[in-house]
Amino acid sequence: MTTATPPPVSEPDPSTFACPSTLVGPCSGCQRSTHKYGSGGLPLCQWCMTLAREAWGPAVRFTSTRAQAQ
């Protein structure tokens, strides 16, 4: 699935160009600068996310953990 070789880790993920500098942090996989997805999150750059998705396979689904409003 991976189509291109990622650039050197010294180059930031393209997602950093579209967000304020306060929302830029290291990728949890390769330490490349990438967009942080919230306080305490474990962000992945687009190349690490591609590798993670390949490892997860098609069976992984999102399940909401929020309580249903009644």
PDB file of N, CA and C in Angstrom:
ATOM      1  N   MET A   1       0.799  -1.196   0.000  1.00  0.00           N
ATOM      2  CA  MET A   1       0.000   0.000   0.000  1.00  0.00           C
ATOM      3  C   MET A   1       0.843   1.261   0.000  1.00  0.00           C
ATOM      4  N   THR A   2       2.012   1.228   0.615  1.00  0.00           N
ATOM      5  CA  THR A   2       2.862   2.401   0.668  1.00  0.00           C
ATOM      6  C   THR A   2       3.367   2.696  -0.733  1.00  0.00           C
ATOM      7  N   THR A   3       3.112   3.917  -1.218  1.00  0.00           N
ATOM      8  CA  THR A   3       3.450   4.238  -2.590  1.00  0.00           C
ATOM      9  C   THR A   3       4.790   4.935  -2.733  1.00  0.00           C
ATOM     10  N   ALA A   4       5.235   5.651  -1.721  1.00  0.00           N
ATOM     11  CA  ALA A   4       6.476   6.411  -1.839  1.00  0.00           C
ATOM     12  C   ALA A   4       7.311   6.268  -0.576  1.00  0.00           C
ATOM     13  N   THR A   5       8.603   6.406  -0.757  1.00  0.00           N
ATOM     14  CA  THR A   5       9.509   6.386   0.379  1.00  0.00           C
ATOM     15  C   THR A   5       9.376   7.712   1.121  1.00  0.00           C
ATOM     16  N   PRO A   6       9.233   7.677   2.438  1.00  0.00           N
ATOM     17  CA  PRO A   6       9.093   8.928   3.176  1.00  0.00           C
ATOM     18  C   PRO A   6      10.381   9.750   3.104  1.00  0.00           C
ATOM     19  N   PRO A   7      10.250  11.074   3.169  1.00  0.00           N
ATOM     20  CA  PRO A   7      11.434  11.929   3.181  1.00  0.00           C
ATOM     21  C   PRO A   7      12.190  11.761   4.497  1.00  0.00           C
ATOM     22  N   PRO A   8      13.375  12.346   4.619  1.00  0.00           N
ATOM     23  CA  PRO A   8      14.120  12.242   5.878  1.00  0.00           C
ATOM     24  C   PRO A   8      13.300  12.770   7.062  1.00  0.00           C
ATOM     25  N   VAL A   9      13.563  12.237   8.231  1.00  0.00           N
ATOM     26  CA  VAL A   9      12.832  12.634   9.442  1.00  0.00           C
ATOM     27  C   VAL A   9      13.030  14.118   9.753  1.00  0.00           C
ATOM     28  N   SER A  10      14.094  14.712   9.251  1.00  0.00           N
ATOM     29  CA  SER A  10      14.337  16.133   9.499  1.00  0.00           C
ATOM     30  C   SER A  10      13.309  17.024   8.793  1.00  0.00           C
ATOM     31  N   GLU A  11      12.596  16.486   7.792  1.00  0.00           N
ATOM     32  CA  GLU A  11      11.556  17.249   7.105  1.00  0.00           C
ATOM     33  C   GLU A  11      10.215  16.997   7.788  1.00  0.00           C
ATOM     34  N   PRO A  12       9.429  18.058   8.052  1.00  0.00           N
ATOM     35  CA  PRO A  12       8.149  17.885   8.748  1.00  0.00           C
ATOM     36  C   PRO A  12       7.090  17.236   7.875  1.00  0.00           C
ATOM     37  N   ASP A  13       6.072  16.691   8.533  1.00  0.00           N
ATOM     38  CA  ASP A  13       4.897  16.157   7.857  1.00  0.00           C
ATOM     39  C   ASP A  13       4.159  17.344   7.228  1.00  0.00           C
ATOM     40  N   PRO A  14       3.616  17.212   6.018  1.00  0.00           N
ATOM     41  CA  PRO A  14       2.888  18.319   5.386  1.00  0.00           C
ATOM     42  C   PRO A  14       1.733  18.869   6.229  1.00  0.00           C
ATOM     43  N   SER A  15       1.209  18.094   7.179  1.00  0.00           N
ATOM     44  CA  SER A  15       0.113  18.582   8.023  1.00  0.00           C
ATOM     45  C   SER A  15       0.534  19.779   8.872  1.00  0.00           C
ATOM     46  N   THR A  16       1.833  19.967   9.096  1.00  0.00           N
ATOM     47  CA  THR A  16       2.294  21.088   9.924  1.00  0.00           C
ATOM     48  C   THR A  16       2.149  22.426   9.223  1.00  0.00           C
ATOM     49  N   PHE A  17       2.033  22.419   7.903  1.00  0.00           N
ATOM     50  CA  PHE A  17       1.927  23.677   7.171  1.00  0.00           C
ATOM     51  C   PHE A  17       0.546  24.300   7.305  1.00  0.00           C
ATOM     52  N   ALA A  18      -0.438  23.538   7.723  1.00  0.00           N
ATOM     53  CA  ALA A  18      -1.817  24.017   7.808  1.00  0.00           C
ATOM     54  C   ALA A  18      -2.304  24.227   9.237  1.00  0.00           C
ATOM     55  N   CYS A  19      -1.408  24.170  10.221  1.00  0.00           N
ATOM     56  CA  CYS A  19      -1.844  24.359  11.607  1.00  0.00           C
ATOM     57  C   CYS A  19      -0.901  25.322  12.325  1.00  0.00           C
ATOM     58  N   PRO A  20      -1.370  25.969  13.393  1.00  0.00           N
ATOM     59  CA  PRO A  20      -0.517  26.881  14.149  1.00  0.00           C
ATOM     60  C   PRO A  20       0.646  26.139  14.805  1.00  0.00           C
ATOM     61  N   SER A  21       1.730  26.841  15.055  1.00  0.00           N
ATOM     62  CA  SER A  21       2.921  26.205  15.633  1.00  0.00           C
ATOM     63  C   SER A  21       2.662  25.624  17.017  1.00  0.00           C
ATOM     64  N   THR A  22       1.645  26.117  17.715  1.00  0.00           N
ATOM     65  CA  THR A  22       1.322  25.564  19.033  1.00  0.00           C
ATOM     66  C   THR A  22       0.736  24.165  18.936  1.00  0.00           C
ATOM     67  N   LEU A  23       0.315  23.757  17.740  1.00  0.00           N
ATOM     68  CA  LEU A  23      -0.276  22.436  17.544  1.00  0.00           C
ATOM     69  C   LEU A  23       0.670  21.479  16.836  1.00  0.00           C
ATOM     70  N   VAL A  24       1.966  21.820  16.792  1.00  0.00           N
ATOM     71  CA  VAL A  24       2.961  20.962  16.154  1.00  0.00           C
ATOM     72  C   VAL A  24       3.746  20.237  17.229  1.00  0.00           C
ATOM     73  N   GLY A  25       3.940  18.940  17.063  1.00  0.00           N
ATOM     74  CA  GLY A  25       4.698  18.142  18.017  1.00  0.00           C
ATOM     75  C   GLY A  25       5.319  16.952  17.322  1.00  0.00           C
ATOM     76  N   PRO A  26       6.084  16.146  18.049  1.00  0.00           N
ATOM     77  CA  PRO A  26       6.753  14.995  17.432  1.00  0.00           C
ATOM     78  C   PRO A  26       5.798  13.827  17.176  1.00  0.00           C
ATOM     79  N   CYS A  27       6.026  13.144  16.072  1.00  0.00           N
ATOM     80  CA  CYS A  27       5.293  11.913  15.766  1.00  0.00           C
ATOM     81  C   CYS A  27       5.681  10.878  16.816  1.00  0.00           C
ATOM     82  N   SER A  28       4.721  10.105  17.279  1.00  0.00           N
ATOM     83  CA  SER A  28       5.033   9.108  18.300  1.00  0.00           C
ATOM     84  C   SER A  28       5.796   7.924  17.732  1.00  0.00           C
ATOM     85  N   GLY A  29       5.863   7.821  16.409  1.00  0.00           N
ATOM     86  CA  GLY A  29       6.593   6.716  15.796  1.00  0.00           C
ATOM     87  C   GLY A  29       8.021   7.074  15.425  1.00  0.00           C
ATOM     88  N   CYS A  30       8.199   8.189  14.693  1.00  0.00           N
ATOM     89  CA  CYS A  30       9.522   8.514  14.147  1.00  0.00           C
ATOM     90  C   CYS A  30      10.082   9.836  14.660  1.00  0.00           C
ATOM     91  N   GLN A  31       9.335  10.569  15.449  1.00  0.00           N
ATOM     92  CA  GLN A  31       9.734  11.855  16.025  1.00  0.00           C
ATOM     93  C   GLN A  31       9.768  12.996  15.014  1.00  0.00           C
ATOM     94  N   ARG A  32       9.223  12.796  13.817  1.00  0.00           N
ATOM     95  CA  ARG A  32       9.112  13.866  12.811  1.00  0.00           C
ATOM     96  C   ARG A  32       8.084  14.878  13.309  1.00  0.00           C
ATOM     97  N   SER A  33       8.265  16.158  13.010  1.00  0.00           N
ATOM     98  CA  SER A  33       7.271  17.171  13.385  1.00  0.00           C
ATOM     99  C   SER A  33       5.977  16.897  12.646  1.00  0.00           C
ATOM    100  N   THR A  34       4.875  16.871  13.394  1.00  0.00           N
ATOM    101  CA  THR A  34       3.557  16.614  12.805  1.00  0.00           C
ATOM    102  C   THR A  34       2.497  17.356  13.607  1.00  0.00           C
ATOM    103  N   HIS A  35       1.259  17.329  13.134  1.00  0.00           N
ATOM    104  CA  HIS A  35       0.145  17.990  13.818  1.00  0.00           C
ATOM    105  C   HIS A  35      -0.254  17.159  15.034  1.00  0.00           C
ATOM    106  N   LYS A  36      -0.363  17.807  16.206  1.00  0.00           N
ATOM    107  CA  LYS A  36      -0.796  17.099  17.417  1.00  0.00           C
ATOM    108  C   LYS A  36      -2.314  17.003  17.412  1.00  0.00           C
ATOM    109  N   TYR A  37      -2.850  15.881  17.823  1.00  0.00           N
ATOM    110  CA  TYR A  37      -4.287  15.676  17.838  1.00  0.00           C
ATOM    111  C   TYR A  37      -4.839  15.737  19.241  1.00  0.00           C
ATOM    112  N   GLY A  38      -4.610  16.840  19.919  1.00  0.00           N
ATOM    113  CA  GLY A  38      -5.152  17.026  21.251  1.00  0.00           C
ATOM    114  C   GLY A  38      -4.127  16.788  22.337  1.00  0.00           C
ATOM    115  N   SER A  39      -4.403  17.308  23.474  1.00  0.00           N
ATOM    116  CA  SER A  39      -3.523  17.204  24.625  1.00  0.00           C
ATOM    117  C   SER A  39      -3.354  15.755  25.054  1.00  0.00           C
ATOM    118  N   GLY A  40      -2.118  15.292  25.143  1.00  0.00           N
ATOM    119  CA  GLY A  40      -1.848  13.939  25.598  1.00  0.00           C
ATOM    120  C   GLY A  40      -2.047  12.861  24.555  1.00  0.00           C
ATOM    121  N   GLY A  41      -2.361  13.254  23.325  1.00  0.00           N
ATOM    122  CA  GLY A  41      -2.580  12.279  22.264  1.00  0.00           C
ATOM    123  C   GLY A  41      -1.266  11.678  21.780  1.00  0.00           C
ATOM    124  N   LEU A  42      -1.353  10.650  20.991  1.00  0.00           N
ATOM    125  CA  LEU A  42      -0.181  10.038  20.397  1.00  0.00           C
ATOM    126  C   LEU A  42      -0.270  10.224  18.885  1.00  0.00           C
ATOM    127  N   PRO A  43       0.143  11.376  18.389  1.00  0.00           N
ATOM    128  CA  PRO A  43       0.002  11.657  16.961  1.00  0.00           C
ATOM    129  C   PRO A  43       0.965  10.831  16.118  1.00  0.00           C
ATOM    130  N   LEU A  44       0.555  10.520  14.927  1.00  0.00           N
ATOM    131  CA  LEU A  44       1.400   9.829  13.962  1.00  0.00           C
ATOM    132  C   LEU A  44       1.469  10.671  12.696  1.00  0.00           C
ATOM    133  N   CYS A  45       2.642  10.755  12.090  1.00  0.00           N
ATOM    134  CA  CYS A  45       2.759  11.427  10.802  1.00  0.00           C
ATOM    135  C   CYS A  45       2.080  10.548   9.749  1.00  0.00           C
ATOM    136  N   GLN A  46       1.897  11.078   8.554  1.00  0.00           N
ATOM    137  CA  GLN A  46       1.158  10.312   7.536  1.00  0.00           C
ATOM    138  C   GLN A  46       1.860   9.017   7.153  1.00  0.00           C
ATOM    139  N   TRP A  47       3.186   8.962   7.244  1.00  0.00           N
ATOM    140  CA  TRP A  47       3.901   7.740   6.879  1.00  0.00           C
ATOM    141  C   TRP A  47       3.786   6.676   7.965  1.00  0.00           C
ATOM    142  N   CYS A  48       3.892   7.074   9.247  1.00  0.00           N
ATOM    143  CA  CYS A  48       3.723   6.111  10.339  1.00  0.00           C
ATOM    144  C   CYS A  48       2.275   5.620  10.411  1.00  0.00           C
ATOM    145  N   MET A  49       1.311   6.510  10.122  1.00  0.00           N
ATOM    146  CA  MET A  49      -0.099   6.109  10.137  1.00  0.00           C
ATOM    147  C   MET A  49      -0.371   5.088   9.040  1.00  0.00           C
ATOM    148  N   THR A  50       0.242   5.248   7.875  1.00  0.00           N
ATOM    149  CA  THR A  50       0.064   4.282   6.793  1.00  0.00           C
ATOM    150  C   THR A  50       0.571   2.911   7.217  1.00  0.00           C
ATOM    151  N   LEU A  51       1.739   2.862   7.850  1.00  0.00           N
ATOM    152  CA  LEU A  51       2.286   1.593   8.323  1.00  0.00           C
ATOM    153  C   LEU A  51       1.389   0.967   9.398  1.00  0.00           C
ATOM    154  N   ALA A  52       0.860   1.803  10.305  1.00  0.00           N
ATOM    155  CA  ALA A  52      -0.012   1.303  11.363  1.00  0.00           C
ATOM    156  C   ALA A  52      -1.294   0.716  10.771  1.00  0.00           C
ATOM    157  N   ARG A  53      -1.884   1.403   9.800  1.00  0.00           N
ATOM    158  CA  ARG A  53      -3.121   0.903   9.180  1.00  0.00           C
ATOM    159  C   ARG A  53      -2.887  -0.419   8.470  1.00  0.00           C
ATOM    160  N   GLU A  54      -1.730  -0.551   7.818  1.00  0.00           N
ATOM    161  CA  GLU A  54      -1.413  -1.820   7.157  1.00  0.00           C
ATOM    162  C   GLU A  54      -1.305  -2.950   8.176  1.00  0.00           C
ATOM    163  N   ALA A  55      -0.741  -2.651   9.348  1.00  0.00           N
ATOM    164  CA  ALA A  55      -0.596  -3.668  10.387  1.00  0.00           C
ATOM    165  C   ALA A  55      -1.939  -4.016  11.029  1.00  0.00           C
ATOM    166  N   TRP A  56      -2.852  -3.035  11.130  1.00  0.00           N
ATOM    167  CA  TRP A  56      -4.151  -3.282  11.752  1.00  0.00           C
ATOM    168  C   TRP A  56      -5.019  -4.202  10.910  1.00  0.00           C
ATOM    169  N   GLY A  57      -4.990  -4.035   9.603  1.00  0.00           N
ATOM    170  CA  GLY A  57      -5.827  -4.840   8.731  1.00  0.00           C
ATOM    171  C   GLY A  57      -7.240  -4.290   8.625  1.00  0.00           C
ATOM    172  N   PRO A  58      -8.085  -4.930   7.830  1.00  0.00           N
ATOM    173  CA  PRO A  58      -9.433  -4.418   7.571  1.00  0.00           C
ATOM    174  C   PRO A  58     -10.432  -4.664   8.703  1.00  0.00           C
ATOM    175  N   ALA A  59     -10.078  -5.445   9.705  1.00  0.00           N
ATOM    176  CA  ALA A  59     -11.023  -5.785  10.762  1.00  0.00           C
ATOM    177  C   ALA A  59     -11.162  -4.698  11.828  1.00  0.00           C
ATOM    178  N   VAL A  60     -10.295  -3.700  11.845  1.00  0.00           N
ATOM    179  CA  VAL A  60     -10.338  -2.664  12.881  1.00  0.00           C
ATOM    180  C   VAL A  60     -11.459  -1.682  12.571  1.00  0.00           C
ATOM    181  N   ARG A  61     -12.294  -1.424  13.558  1.00  0.00           N
ATOM    182  CA  ARG A  61     -13.414  -0.486  13.426  1.00  0.00           C
ATOM    183  C   ARG A  61     -13.424   0.447  14.623  1.00  0.00           C
ATOM    184  N   PHE A  62     -13.992   1.638  14.434  1.00  0.00           N
ATOM    185  CA  PHE A  62     -14.117   2.609  15.508  1.00  0.00           C
ATOM    186  C   PHE A  62     -15.361   2.299  16.329  1.00  0.00           C
ATOM    187  N   THR A  63     -15.208   2.300  17.636  1.00  0.00           N
ATOM    188  CA  THR A  63     -16.334   2.140  18.541  1.00  0.00           C
ATOM    189  C   THR A  63     -16.349   3.324  19.488  1.00  0.00           C
ATOM    190  N   SER A  64     -17.443   4.028  19.546  1.00  0.00           N
ATOM    191  CA  SER A  64     -17.551   5.184  20.417  1.00  0.00           C
ATOM    192  C   SER A  64     -17.602   4.747  21.874  1.00  0.00           C
ATOM    193  N   THR A  65     -16.893   5.462  22.719  1.00  0.00           N
ATOM    194  CA  THR A  65     -16.921   5.173  24.148  1.00  0.00           C
ATOM    195  C   THR A  65     -17.762   6.185  24.917  1.00  0.00           C
ATOM    196  N   ARG A  66     -18.396   7.074  24.182  1.00  0.00           N
ATOM    197  CA  ARG A  66     -19.235   8.103  24.824  1.00  0.00           C
ATOM    198  C   ARG A  66     -20.596   7.499  25.178  1.00  0.00           C
ATOM    199  N   ALA A  67     -21.135   7.955  26.305  1.00  0.00           N
ATOM    200  CA  ALA A  67     -22.450   7.468  26.743  1.00  0.00           C
ATOM    201  C   ALA A  67     -23.527   7.988  25.801  1.00  0.00           C
ATOM    202  N   GLN A  68     -24.494   7.188  25.520  1.00  0.00           N
ATOM    203  CA  GLN A  68     -25.624   7.578  24.684  1.00  0.00           C
ATOM    204  C   GLN A  68     -26.551   8.476  25.482  1.00  0.00           C
ATOM    205  N   ALA A  69     -26.993   9.588  24.878  1.00  0.00           N
ATOM    206  CA  ALA A  69     -27.967  10.472  25.534  1.00  0.00           C
ATOM    207  C   ALA A  69     -29.320   9.767  25.572  1.00  0.00           C
ATOM    208  N   GLN A  70     -29.982   9.813  26.734  1.00  0.00           N
ATOM    209  CA  GLN A  70     -31.264   9.123  26.848  1.00  0.00           C
ATOM    210  C   GLN A  70     -32.369  10.076  27.128  1.00  0.00           C
TER     211      GLN A  70
END
